[in-house]
Amino acid sequence: MKPFVFALTVAVSSLVSTMAVACEKPAAQPDIPDAATVVTAQMVKANNDVKAYVKAMQDYVGCAGLSRSDEKKELDALQKFAEDFNVVVRAYKARSAG
């Protein structure tokens, strides 16, 4: 019986620690490149980094159990970040087209 209890304790503690790690706030926003000087490879990397960051933030907000006001602050900041990146994307596309 003791080995079973020990194994169960280890399994539960590893599950809890995995859940805690899975619900960490992403470290920092990725850098948004300068639309006037960015090249295609940098834009593709920035796009992938921004998408990953947005997904990580959405996952964090969904599992962190934030208050409504804190959740709104996080989502507003995320929306502003995404809008700032979209401005760069549009400027890059305009520069590339002309």
Protein backbone atom coordinates (compact mmCIF):
# COMPACT_ATOMS: atom_id res chain seq x y z
CA MET A 1 0.00 0.00 0.00
CA LYS A 2 2.84 2.42 0.80
CA PRO A 3 4.35 2.15 -2.71
CA PHE A 4 0.94 2.92 -4.22
CA VAL A 5 0.48 6.00 -2.01
CA PHE A 6 4.00 7.16 -2.83
CA ALA A 7 3.44 6.67 -6.58
CA LEU A 8 0.12 8.50 -6.37
CA THR A 9 1.74 11.37 -4.48
CA VAL A 10 4.51 11.65 -7.06
CA ALA A 11 2.01 11.57 -9.93
CA VAL A 12 -0.21 14.24 -8.40
CA SER A 13 2.69 16.51 -7.51
CA SER A 14 4.15 16.27 -11.01
CA LEU A 15 0.74 17.04 -12.50
CA VAL A 16 0.32 20.08 -10.26
CA SER A 17 3.82 21.35 -11.04
CA THR A 18 3.21 20.86 -14.76
CA MET A 19 -0.02 22.83 -14.53
CA ALA A 20 1.75 25.62 -12.67
CA VAL A 21 4.49 25.81 -15.30
CA ALA A 22 1.92 25.74 -18.10
CA CYS A 23 0.24 28.83 -16.66
CA GLU A 24 3.17 31.22 -16.54
CA LYS A 25 3.02 34.64 -18.10
CA PRO A 26 5.22 34.86 -21.21
CA ALA A 27 8.50 36.55 -20.41
CA ALA A 28 8.44 39.49 -22.80
CA GLN A 29 6.83 40.74 -25.96
CA PRO A 30 8.85 40.01 -29.09
CA ASP A 31 10.45 42.97 -30.81
CA ILE A 32 8.48 44.60 -33.59
CA PRO A 33 10.78 45.41 -36.51
CA ASP A 34 11.09 48.80 -38.18
CA ALA A 35 8.83 48.79 -41.24
CA ALA A 36 11.20 51.09 -43.13
CA THR A 37 14.17 48.72 -42.96
CA VAL A 38 12.80 45.21 -42.36
CA VAL A 39 13.49 42.48 -44.93
CA THR A 40 11.19 39.55 -45.69
CA ALA A 41 13.01 37.00 -43.51
CA GLN A 42 12.84 39.33 -40.51
CA MET A 43 9.15 39.99 -41.15
CA VAL A 44 8.37 36.27 -41.31
CA LYS A 45 10.27 35.68 -38.05
CA ALA A 46 8.52 38.60 -36.37
CA ASN A 47 5.14 37.33 -37.56
CA ASN A 48 5.82 33.86 -36.14
CA ASP A 49 7.10 35.34 -32.85
CA VAL A 50 4.07 37.62 -32.51
CA LYS A 51 1.62 34.79 -33.22
CA ALA A 52 3.34 32.57 -30.63
CA TYR A 53 3.32 35.39 -28.07
CA VAL A 54 -0.36 36.17 -28.65
CA LYS A 55 -1.26 32.49 -28.27
CA ALA A 56 0.85 32.18 -25.11
CA MET A 57 -0.80 35.28 -23.61
CA GLN A 58 -4.28 34.02 -24.48
CA ASP A 59 -3.45 30.68 -22.83
CA TYR A 60 -2.07 32.50 -19.78
CA VAL A 61 -5.12 34.73 -19.39
CA GLY A 62 -7.36 31.69 -19.76
CA CYS A 63 -5.68 29.71 -16.98
CA ALA A 64 -4.28 32.33 -14.60
CA GLY A 65 -7.51 33.02 -12.74
CA LEU A 66 -7.03 36.77 -12.95
CA SER A 67 -9.62 39.20 -11.69
CA ARG A 68 -11.81 40.71 -14.39
CA SER A 69 -9.97 44.03 -14.24
CA ASP A 70 -6.54 42.36 -14.47
CA GLU A 71 -7.75 40.15 -17.32
CA LYS A 72 -9.06 43.22 -19.16
CA LYS A 73 -5.72 45.03 -18.66
CA GLU A 74 -3.80 42.06 -20.04
CA LEU A 75 -6.12 41.68 -23.04
CA ASP A 76 -6.09 45.43 -23.77
CA ALA A 77 -2.28 45.45 -23.70
CA LEU A 78 -2.23 42.39 -25.97
CA GLN A 79 -4.63 44.04 -28.42
CA LYS A 80 -2.50 47.21 -28.50
CA PHE A 81 0.62 45.12 -29.15
CA ALA A 82 -1.12 43.26 -32.00
CA GLU A 83 -2.38 46.53 -33.48
CA ASP A 84 1.13 48.01 -33.35
CA PHE A 85 2.45 44.97 -35.19
CA ASN A 86 -0.33 45.19 -37.79
CA VAL A 87 0.64 48.81 -38.49
CA VAL A 88 4.16 47.59 -39.27
CA VAL A 89 2.80 44.76 -41.45
CA ARG A 90 0.70 47.19 -43.50
CA ALA A 91 3.62 49.61 -43.89
CA TYR A 92 5.93 46.76 -44.92
CA LYS A 93 3.42 45.52 -47.50
CA ALA A 94 2.97 49.02 -48.88
CA ARG A 95 6.73 49.50 -49.12
CA SER A 96 7.18 46.11 -50.78
CA ALA A 97 4.40 46.72 -53.31
CA GLY A 98 5.82 50.01 -54.53
